[in-house]
Amino acid sequence: MRTRRTPMRRCPHCERSVNSSGSLGGKRLNVKQVVCHKSELSNGQIMRTQLGPIPVVVVRTKAGSLYALAAKCLHQGGPLDQGRVYEHHATTKDVGEYVIDPGREVLKCPWHGYEYDIKTGCTVFDPSRAVQTFQAYEEEDQIVVQLATAGARQA
């Protein structure tokens, strides 16, 4: 049985390799889906959509950037579209001291609190695990999500 290798990319936060394949079940996909009119997804909001057979959560950050991730939590399949996005809080060496990690927003699963970096799809607690990410962008007045065969990219 032959195994097909999938392209890898580096997570900018942990420098580990993350699968960025444009494949699902060994089949190459090139799916482009209009999600909604850009006015329907305000800054700081999330929305669920389908990208071919894949449920996807689209995130518009407070700053207005768009990201898209697979909508199913790796832990027990929780609905990430029902989670919330917030700035990541990191601990320091001092007990009980927390600081905001600027520019790193995470999506928190509503079931058990798993947290995903919205830019990379990596889990915060174990960056070697990640949900698939997809290209999300505005095209004219529409928000579009695309599964590119060469891998995911954020606009």
N, C-alpha and C. Protein backbone atom coordinates (compact mmCIF):
# COMPACT_ATOMS: atom_id res chain seq x y z
N MET A 1 0.84 -1.18 0.00
CA MET A 1 0.00 0.00 0.00
C MET A 1 0.88 1.24 0.00
N ARG A 2 0.64 2.15 -0.93
CA ARG A 2 1.43 3.37 -1.02
C ARG A 2 0.81 4.46 -0.16
N THR A 3 1.65 5.23 0.46
CA THR A 3 1.20 6.35 1.28
C THR A 3 1.62 7.64 0.61
N ARG A 4 0.70 8.56 0.50
CA ARG A 4 1.00 9.85 -0.11
C ARG A 4 1.38 10.84 0.99
N ARG A 5 2.52 11.48 0.82
CA ARG A 5 2.98 12.49 1.79
C ARG A 5 2.25 13.80 1.53
N THR A 6 1.86 14.46 2.60
CA THR A 6 1.20 15.75 2.47
C THR A 6 2.17 16.86 2.80
N PRO A 7 2.03 18.03 2.15
CA PRO A 7 2.93 19.15 2.43
C PRO A 7 2.79 19.58 3.88
N MET A 8 3.88 20.06 4.44
CA MET A 8 3.88 20.52 5.83
C MET A 8 4.22 22.01 5.85
N ARG A 9 3.75 22.69 6.88
CA ARG A 9 4.13 24.09 7.10
C ARG A 9 4.54 24.23 8.55
N ARG A 10 5.20 25.32 8.86
CA ARG A 10 5.67 25.57 10.22
C ARG A 10 4.71 26.51 10.94
N CYS A 11 4.32 26.13 12.15
CA CYS A 11 3.52 27.01 13.00
C CYS A 11 4.42 28.16 13.45
N PRO A 12 4.01 29.42 13.27
CA PRO A 12 4.88 30.54 13.64
C PRO A 12 5.10 30.67 15.14
N HIS A 13 4.25 30.05 15.94
CA HIS A 13 4.39 30.16 17.39
C HIS A 13 5.24 29.05 17.99
N CYS A 14 5.15 27.85 17.42
CA CYS A 14 5.86 26.73 18.03
C CYS A 14 6.94 26.14 17.14
N GLU A 15 6.99 26.55 15.86
CA GLU A 15 7.97 26.06 14.89
C GLU A 15 7.86 24.56 14.61
N ARG A 16 6.72 23.95 14.95
CA ARG A 16 6.52 22.54 14.62
C ARG A 16 5.83 22.43 13.27
N SER A 17 5.99 21.30 12.63
CA SER A 17 5.35 21.09 11.34
C SER A 17 3.87 20.80 11.55
N VAL A 18 3.05 21.40 10.70
CA VAL A 18 1.61 21.22 10.76
C VAL A 18 1.15 20.84 9.37
N ASN A 19 0.28 19.85 9.27
CA ASN A 19 -0.24 19.42 7.99
C ASN A 19 -1.05 20.54 7.36
N SER A 20 -0.69 20.92 6.16
CA SER A 20 -1.44 21.97 5.46
C SER A 20 -1.94 21.45 4.11
N SER A 21 -2.27 20.19 4.09
CA SER A 21 -2.69 19.56 2.85
C SER A 21 -4.02 20.10 2.35
N GLY A 22 -4.15 20.10 1.07
CA GLY A 22 -5.43 20.42 0.46
C GLY A 22 -6.16 19.14 0.11
N SER A 23 -6.12 18.16 1.00
CA SER A 23 -6.75 16.90 0.69
C SER A 23 -7.69 16.48 1.79
N LEU A 24 -8.64 15.64 1.45
CA LEU A 24 -9.57 15.06 2.40
C LEU A 24 -9.74 13.61 2.00
N GLY A 25 -9.35 12.70 2.87
CA GLY A 25 -9.48 11.28 2.57
C GLY A 25 -8.70 10.86 1.34
N GLY A 26 -7.55 11.50 1.10
CA GLY A 26 -6.71 11.14 -0.03
C GLY A 26 -7.13 11.78 -1.34
N LYS A 27 -8.27 12.47 -1.37
CA LYS A 27 -8.74 13.12 -2.60
C LYS A 27 -8.39 14.60 -2.55
N ARG A 28 -7.86 15.11 -3.65
CA ARG A 28 -7.53 16.54 -3.74
C ARG A 28 -8.81 17.33 -4.00
N LEU A 29 -8.97 18.41 -3.25
CA LEU A 29 -10.15 19.25 -3.40
C LEU A 29 -9.75 20.66 -3.79
N ASN A 30 -10.60 21.34 -4.51
CA ASN A 30 -10.41 22.76 -4.78
C ASN A 30 -11.80 23.38 -4.74
N VAL A 31 -12.23 23.73 -3.53
CA VAL A 31 -13.58 24.20 -3.30
C VAL A 31 -13.55 25.66 -2.87
N LYS A 32 -14.38 26.47 -3.50
CA LYS A 32 -14.50 27.89 -3.15
C LYS A 32 -15.96 28.12 -2.79
N GLN A 33 -16.20 28.71 -1.62
CA GLN A 33 -17.56 28.89 -1.15
C GLN A 33 -17.79 30.32 -0.70
N VAL A 34 -18.81 30.97 -1.25
CA VAL A 34 -19.23 32.28 -0.75
C VAL A 34 -19.98 32.03 0.55
N VAL A 35 -19.54 32.69 1.62
CA VAL A 35 -20.14 32.47 2.94
C VAL A 35 -21.31 33.42 3.16
N CYS A 36 -21.09 34.71 2.94
CA CYS A 36 -22.12 35.70 3.20
C CYS A 36 -21.67 37.05 2.65
N HIS A 37 -22.56 38.02 2.72
CA HIS A 37 -22.19 39.40 2.41
C HIS A 37 -21.29 39.88 3.54
N LYS A 38 -20.30 40.70 3.24
CA LYS A 38 -19.32 41.11 4.25
C LYS A 38 -19.96 41.84 5.43
N SER A 39 -21.10 42.46 5.23
CA SER A 39 -21.77 43.17 6.33
C SER A 39 -22.42 42.22 7.34
N GLU A 40 -22.57 40.94 6.98
CA GLU A 40 -23.20 39.97 7.87
C GLU A 40 -22.26 39.40 8.92
N LEU A 41 -20.96 39.64 8.79
CA LEU A 41 -19.98 39.14 9.76
C LEU A 41 -19.17 40.32 10.26
N SER A 42 -19.57 40.85 11.40
CA SER A 42 -18.92 42.02 11.98
C SER A 42 -17.62 41.64 12.67
N ASN A 43 -16.80 42.63 12.95
CA ASN A 43 -15.55 42.40 13.68
C ASN A 43 -15.85 41.72 15.02
N GLY A 44 -15.06 40.69 15.34
CA GLY A 44 -15.23 39.95 16.59
C GLY A 44 -16.26 38.84 16.53
N GLN A 45 -16.86 38.58 15.37
CA GLN A 45 -17.88 37.54 15.25
C GLN A 45 -17.35 36.29 14.57
N ILE A 46 -18.09 35.18 14.77
CA ILE A 46 -17.79 33.93 14.08
C ILE A 46 -19.06 33.41 13.42
N MET A 47 -18.88 32.58 12.38
CA MET A 47 -20.01 32.04 11.63
C MET A 47 -19.64 30.65 11.11
N ARG A 48 -20.61 29.76 11.10
CA ARG A 48 -20.39 28.41 10.58
C ARG A 48 -20.86 28.35 9.12
N THR A 49 -20.12 27.58 8.31
CA THR A 49 -20.49 27.34 6.92
C THR A 49 -20.01 25.95 6.53
N GLN A 50 -20.30 25.53 5.33
CA GLN A 50 -19.82 24.27 4.78
C GLN A 50 -18.86 24.57 3.64
N LEU A 51 -17.75 23.89 3.61
CA LEU A 51 -16.80 23.99 2.51
C LEU A 51 -16.75 22.61 1.88
N GLY A 52 -17.59 22.40 0.86
CA GLY A 52 -17.76 21.05 0.34
C GLY A 52 -18.33 20.19 1.46
N PRO A 53 -17.67 19.07 1.77
CA PRO A 53 -18.17 18.21 2.84
C PRO A 53 -17.70 18.61 4.24
N ILE A 54 -16.93 19.69 4.35
CA ILE A 54 -16.28 20.04 5.61
C ILE A 54 -17.00 21.19 6.31
N PRO A 55 -17.44 20.99 7.58
CA PRO A 55 -17.98 22.11 8.34
C PRO A 55 -16.84 23.04 8.75
N VAL A 56 -17.04 24.34 8.53
CA VAL A 56 -15.98 25.33 8.75
C VAL A 56 -16.52 26.47 9.60
N VAL A 57 -15.67 27.01 10.47
CA VAL A 57 -16.00 28.21 11.23
C VAL A 57 -15.16 29.36 10.67
N VAL A 58 -15.84 30.45 10.34
CA VAL A 58 -15.17 31.64 9.81
C VAL A 58 -15.12 32.67 10.93
N VAL A 59 -13.93 33.23 11.15
CA VAL A 59 -13.71 34.19 12.23
C VAL A 59 -13.28 35.52 11.63
N ARG A 60 -13.97 36.60 12.06
CA ARG A 60 -13.49 37.94 11.74
C ARG A 60 -13.00 38.53 13.06
N THR A 61 -11.72 38.83 13.11
CA THR A 61 -11.12 39.33 14.35
C THR A 61 -11.62 40.74 14.66
N LYS A 62 -11.31 41.20 15.85
CA LYS A 62 -11.67 42.57 16.24
C LYS A 62 -11.02 43.58 15.31
N ALA A 63 -9.85 43.23 14.77
CA ALA A 63 -9.14 44.10 13.84
C ALA A 63 -9.67 43.99 12.41
N GLY A 64 -10.55 43.00 12.14
CA GLY A 64 -11.14 42.85 10.83
C GLY A 64 -10.54 41.78 9.94
N SER A 65 -9.50 41.09 10.39
CA SER A 65 -8.89 40.02 9.59
C SER A 65 -9.81 38.80 9.56
N LEU A 66 -9.74 38.04 8.47
CA LEU A 66 -10.57 36.84 8.31
C LEU A 66 -9.73 35.58 8.41
N TYR A 67 -10.27 34.58 9.11
CA TYR A 67 -9.63 33.27 9.24
C TYR A 67 -10.72 32.21 9.16
N ALA A 68 -10.34 31.02 8.73
CA ALA A 68 -11.29 29.91 8.67
C ALA A 68 -10.61 28.64 9.14
N LEU A 69 -11.33 27.88 9.97
CA LEU A 69 -10.81 26.63 10.53
C LEU A 69 -11.89 25.56 10.44
N ALA A 70 -11.47 24.30 10.45
CA ALA A 70 -12.42 23.20 10.55
C ALA A 70 -13.23 23.41 11.83
N ALA A 71 -14.55 23.19 11.77
CA ALA A 71 -15.45 23.54 12.87
C ALA A 71 -15.61 22.44 13.91
N LYS A 72 -14.80 21.40 13.85
CA LYS A 72 -14.93 20.27 14.77
C LYS A 72 -13.70 20.18 15.66
N CYS A 73 -13.90 20.24 16.98
CA CYS A 73 -12.81 20.17 17.94
C CYS A 73 -12.12 18.80 17.87
N LEU A 74 -10.82 18.81 17.99
CA LEU A 74 -10.04 17.56 17.95
C LEU A 74 -10.28 16.68 19.17
N HIS A 75 -10.67 17.27 20.29
CA HIS A 75 -10.82 16.53 21.53
C HIS A 75 -11.97 15.53 21.46
N GLN A 76 -13.20 16.04 21.37
CA GLN A 76 -14.36 15.15 21.30
C GLN A 76 -15.39 15.63 20.29
N GLY A 77 -14.93 16.37 19.30
CA GLY A 77 -15.82 16.77 18.21
C GLY A 77 -16.75 17.92 18.53
N GLY A 78 -16.43 18.71 19.53
CA GLY A 78 -17.27 19.85 19.90
C GLY A 78 -17.43 20.85 18.77
N PRO A 79 -18.55 21.58 18.75
CA PRO A 79 -18.83 22.55 17.69
C PRO A 79 -18.08 23.86 17.92
N LEU A 80 -16.98 24.07 17.22
CA LEU A 80 -16.17 25.27 17.42
C LEU A 80 -16.92 26.55 17.05
N ASP A 81 -17.92 26.44 16.18
CA ASP A 81 -18.70 27.63 15.82
C ASP A 81 -19.53 28.14 17.00
N GLN A 82 -19.69 27.35 18.04
CA GLN A 82 -20.42 27.79 19.23
C GLN A 82 -19.46 28.27 20.32
N GLY A 83 -18.16 28.27 20.00
CA GLY A 83 -17.15 28.75 20.94
C GLY A 83 -17.04 30.26 20.90
N ARG A 84 -15.99 30.77 21.52
CA ARG A 84 -15.77 32.22 21.50
C ARG A 84 -14.31 32.51 21.20
N VAL A 85 -14.07 33.69 20.65
CA VAL A 85 -12.72 34.13 20.30
C VAL A 85 -12.29 35.20 21.29
N TYR A 86 -11.06 35.09 21.76
CA TYR A 86 -10.51 36.10 22.67
C TYR A 86 -9.00 36.14 22.53
N GLU A 87 -8.39 37.19 23.09
CA GLU A 87 -6.93 37.29 23.06
C GLU A 87 -6.35 36.27 24.02
N HIS A 88 -5.29 35.63 23.60
CA HIS A 88 -4.66 34.59 24.41
C HIS A 88 -3.99 35.20 25.63
N HIS A 89 -4.21 34.59 26.78
CA HIS A 89 -3.55 35.01 28.02
C HIS A 89 -2.48 33.99 28.36
N ALA A 90 -1.28 34.44 28.54
CA ALA A 90 -0.16 33.55 28.87
C ALA A 90 0.28 33.81 30.31
N THR A 91 0.81 32.79 30.94
CA THR A 91 1.33 32.97 32.30
C THR A 91 2.78 33.40 32.23
N THR A 92 3.23 34.04 33.29
CA THR A 92 4.63 34.43 33.39
C THR A 92 5.29 33.55 34.45
N LYS A 93 6.51 33.82 34.78
CA LYS A 93 7.22 33.04 35.79
C LYS A 93 6.66 33.29 37.19
N ASP A 94 6.00 34.43 37.37
CA ASP A 94 5.42 34.74 38.68
C ASP A 94 4.07 34.04 38.82
N VAL A 95 3.89 33.32 39.91
CA VAL A 95 2.66 32.58 40.15
C VAL A 95 1.46 33.53 40.15
N GLY A 96 0.42 33.15 39.41
CA GLY A 96 -0.80 33.93 39.37
C GLY A 96 -0.76 35.16 38.48
N GLU A 97 0.34 35.40 37.79
CA GLU A 97 0.44 36.57 36.91
C GLU A 97 0.16 36.15 35.47
N TYR A 98 -0.76 36.85 34.85
CA TYR A 98 -1.12 36.57 33.47
C TYR A 98 -0.90 37.82 32.62
N VAL A 99 -0.51 37.61 31.39
CA VAL A 99 -0.34 38.72 30.45
C VAL A 99 -1.06 38.38 29.16
N ILE A 100 -1.52 39.40 28.46
CA ILE A 100 -2.16 39.18 27.17
C ILE A 100 -1.08 39.02 26.13
N ASP A 101 -1.22 38.00 25.32
CA ASP A 101 -0.29 37.72 24.23
C ASP A 101 -0.80 38.51 23.01
N PRO A 102 -0.29 39.72 22.78
CA PRO A 102 -0.85 40.58 21.73
C PRO A 102 -0.75 39.94 20.35
N GLY A 103 -1.83 40.07 19.61
CA GLY A 103 -1.84 39.56 18.25
C GLY A 103 -2.15 38.08 18.14
N ARG A 104 -2.31 37.39 19.26
CA ARG A 104 -2.62 35.96 19.20
C ARG A 104 -4.02 35.75 19.75
N GLU A 105 -4.96 35.57 18.84
CA GLU A 105 -6.33 35.32 19.24
C GLU A 105 -6.61 33.83 19.14
N VAL A 106 -7.40 33.33 20.08
CA VAL A 106 -7.70 31.91 20.12
C VAL A 106 -9.21 31.69 20.10
N LEU A 107 -9.59 30.54 19.56
CA LEU A 107 -10.98 30.10 19.54
C LEU A 107 -11.10 28.99 20.57
N LYS A 108 -12.02 29.16 21.52
CA LYS A 108 -12.17 28.21 22.62
C LYS A 108 -13.40 27.34 22.39
N CYS A 109 -13.20 26.02 22.43
CA CYS A 109 -14.29 25.07 22.26
C CYS A 109 -15.25 25.18 23.45
N PRO A 110 -16.56 25.20 23.19
CA PRO A 110 -17.52 25.36 24.29
C PRO A 110 -17.67 24.12 25.16
N TRP A 111 -17.26 22.95 24.68
CA TRP A 111 -17.46 21.73 25.46
C TRP A 111 -16.44 21.56 26.57
N HIS A 112 -15.17 21.58 26.26
CA HIS A 112 -14.14 21.29 27.27
C HIS A 112 -13.02 22.31 27.30
N GLY A 113 -13.17 23.42 26.59
CA GLY A 113 -12.22 24.51 26.70
C GLY A 113 -10.95 24.38 25.88
N TYR A 114 -10.89 23.44 24.91
CA TYR A 114 -9.71 23.37 24.05
C TYR A 114 -9.58 24.70 23.31
N GLU A 115 -8.36 25.20 23.20
CA GLU A 115 -8.12 26.49 22.58
C GLU A 115 -7.28 26.33 21.32
N TYR A 116 -7.69 27.01 20.25
CA TYR A 116 -7.02 26.94 18.96
C TYR A 116 -6.58 28.32 18.52
N ASP A 117 -5.33 28.44 18.09
CA ASP A 117 -4.84 29.68 17.50
C ASP A 117 -5.57 29.84 16.17
N ILE A 118 -6.28 30.95 15.99
CA ILE A 118 -7.09 31.09 14.78
C ILE A 118 -6.26 31.27 13.52
N LYS A 119 -5.01 31.69 13.65
CA LYS A 119 -4.16 31.88 12.48
C LYS A 119 -3.57 30.58 11.97
N THR A 120 -3.24 29.67 12.89
CA THR A 120 -2.54 28.44 12.51
C THR A 120 -3.36 27.17 12.68
N GLY A 121 -4.41 27.22 13.50
CA GLY A 121 -5.19 26.04 13.82
C GLY A 121 -4.57 25.19 14.91
N CYS A 122 -3.37 25.55 15.38
CA CYS A 122 -2.68 24.79 16.42
C CYS A 122 -3.40 24.92 17.76
N THR A 123 -3.43 23.82 18.53
CA THR A 123 -3.96 23.92 19.88
C THR A 123 -2.94 24.64 20.74
N VAL A 124 -3.42 25.42 21.70
CA VAL A 124 -2.54 26.20 22.55
C VAL A 124 -1.75 25.29 23.48
N PHE A 125 -2.39 24.24 24.01
CA PHE A 125 -1.73 23.37 24.97
C PHE A 125 -0.75 22.40 24.33
N ASP A 126 -0.96 22.05 23.07
CA ASP A 126 -0.08 21.11 22.37
C ASP A 126 0.00 21.52 20.90
N PRO A 127 0.94 22.41 20.55
CA PRO A 127 1.02 22.94 19.19
C PRO A 127 1.30 21.90 18.10
N SER A 128 1.59 20.66 18.48
CA SER A 128 1.79 19.63 17.45
C SER A 128 0.45 19.15 16.90
N ARG A 129 -0.65 19.51 17.54
CA ARG A 129 -1.99 19.14 17.08
C ARG A 129 -2.67 20.39 16.53
N ALA A 130 -3.38 20.22 15.43
CA ALA A 130 -4.03 21.38 14.82
C ALA A 130 -5.25 20.96 14.02
N VAL A 131 -6.25 21.83 13.98
CA VAL A 131 -7.36 21.65 13.06
C VAL A 131 -6.93 22.25 11.73
N GLN A 132 -7.56 21.80 10.67
CA GLN A 132 -7.21 22.30 9.35
C GLN A 132 -7.65 23.76 9.21
N THR A 133 -6.83 24.56 8.56
CA THR A 133 -7.16 25.95 8.29
C THR A 133 -7.42 26.12 6.80
N PHE A 134 -8.15 27.17 6.47
CA PHE A 134 -8.52 27.44 5.09
C PHE A 134 -8.31 28.91 4.77
N GLN A 135 -8.19 29.21 3.52
CA GLN A 135 -8.05 30.59 3.07
C GLN A 135 -9.41 31.29 3.21
N ALA A 136 -9.41 32.47 3.83
CA ALA A 136 -10.63 33.28 3.97
C ALA A 136 -10.30 34.70 3.53
N TYR A 137 -11.18 35.29 2.74
CA TYR A 137 -10.90 36.63 2.22
C TYR A 137 -12.19 37.28 1.73
N GLU A 138 -12.11 38.58 1.50
CA GLU A 138 -13.22 39.31 0.90
C GLU A 138 -12.99 39.39 -0.60
N GLU A 139 -14.05 39.13 -1.34
CA GLU A 139 -14.02 39.25 -2.79
C GLU A 139 -15.23 40.09 -3.19
N GLU A 140 -14.96 41.29 -3.65
CA GLU A 140 -16.00 42.29 -3.88
C GLU A 140 -16.71 42.52 -2.55
N ASP A 141 -18.00 42.26 -2.44
CA ASP A 141 -18.72 42.48 -1.18
C ASP A 141 -19.02 41.18 -0.44
N GLN A 142 -18.37 40.09 -0.84
CA GLN A 142 -18.65 38.78 -0.27
C GLN A 142 -17.47 38.27 0.56
N ILE A 143 -17.77 37.47 1.57
CA ILE A 143 -16.73 36.73 2.29
C ILE A 143 -16.65 35.36 1.66
N VAL A 144 -15.45 34.95 1.29
CA VAL A 144 -15.22 33.70 0.59
C VAL A 144 -14.25 32.85 1.40
N VAL A 145 -14.51 31.54 1.43
CA VAL A 145 -13.59 30.58 2.05
C VAL A 145 -13.21 29.59 0.96
N GLN A 146 -11.93 29.23 0.93
CA GLN A 146 -11.45 28.33 -0.12
C GLN A 146 -10.51 27.29 0.45
N LEU A 147 -10.69 26.07 0.01
CA LEU A 147 -9.74 25.00 0.29
C LEU A 147 -8.86 24.92 -0.93
N ALA A 148 -7.63 25.40 -0.79
CA ALA A 148 -6.68 25.41 -1.91
C ALA A 148 -5.89 24.12 -1.92
N THR A 149 -5.64 23.57 -3.09
CA THR A 149 -4.92 22.32 -3.18
C THR A 149 -3.47 22.44 -2.74
N ALA A 150 -2.93 23.65 -2.73
CA ALA A 150 -1.55 23.85 -2.29
C ALA A 150 -1.44 24.10 -0.79
N GLY A 151 -2.56 24.10 -0.08
CA GLY A 151 -2.52 24.33 1.37
C GLY A 151 -3.27 25.60 1.74
N ALA A 152 -3.35 25.85 3.01
CA ALA A 152 -4.12 26.98 3.51
C ALA A 152 -3.26 28.22 3.62
N ARG A 153 -3.91 29.36 3.45
CA ARG A 153 -3.24 30.65 3.59
C ARG A 153 -4.26 31.63 4.13
N GLN A 154 -3.82 32.52 4.99
CA GLN A 154 -4.71 33.53 5.52
C GLN A 154 -4.48 34.84 4.79
N ALA A 155 -5.56 35.57 4.55
CA ALA A 155 -5.47 36.87 3.89
C ALA A 155 -5.08 37.94 4.88
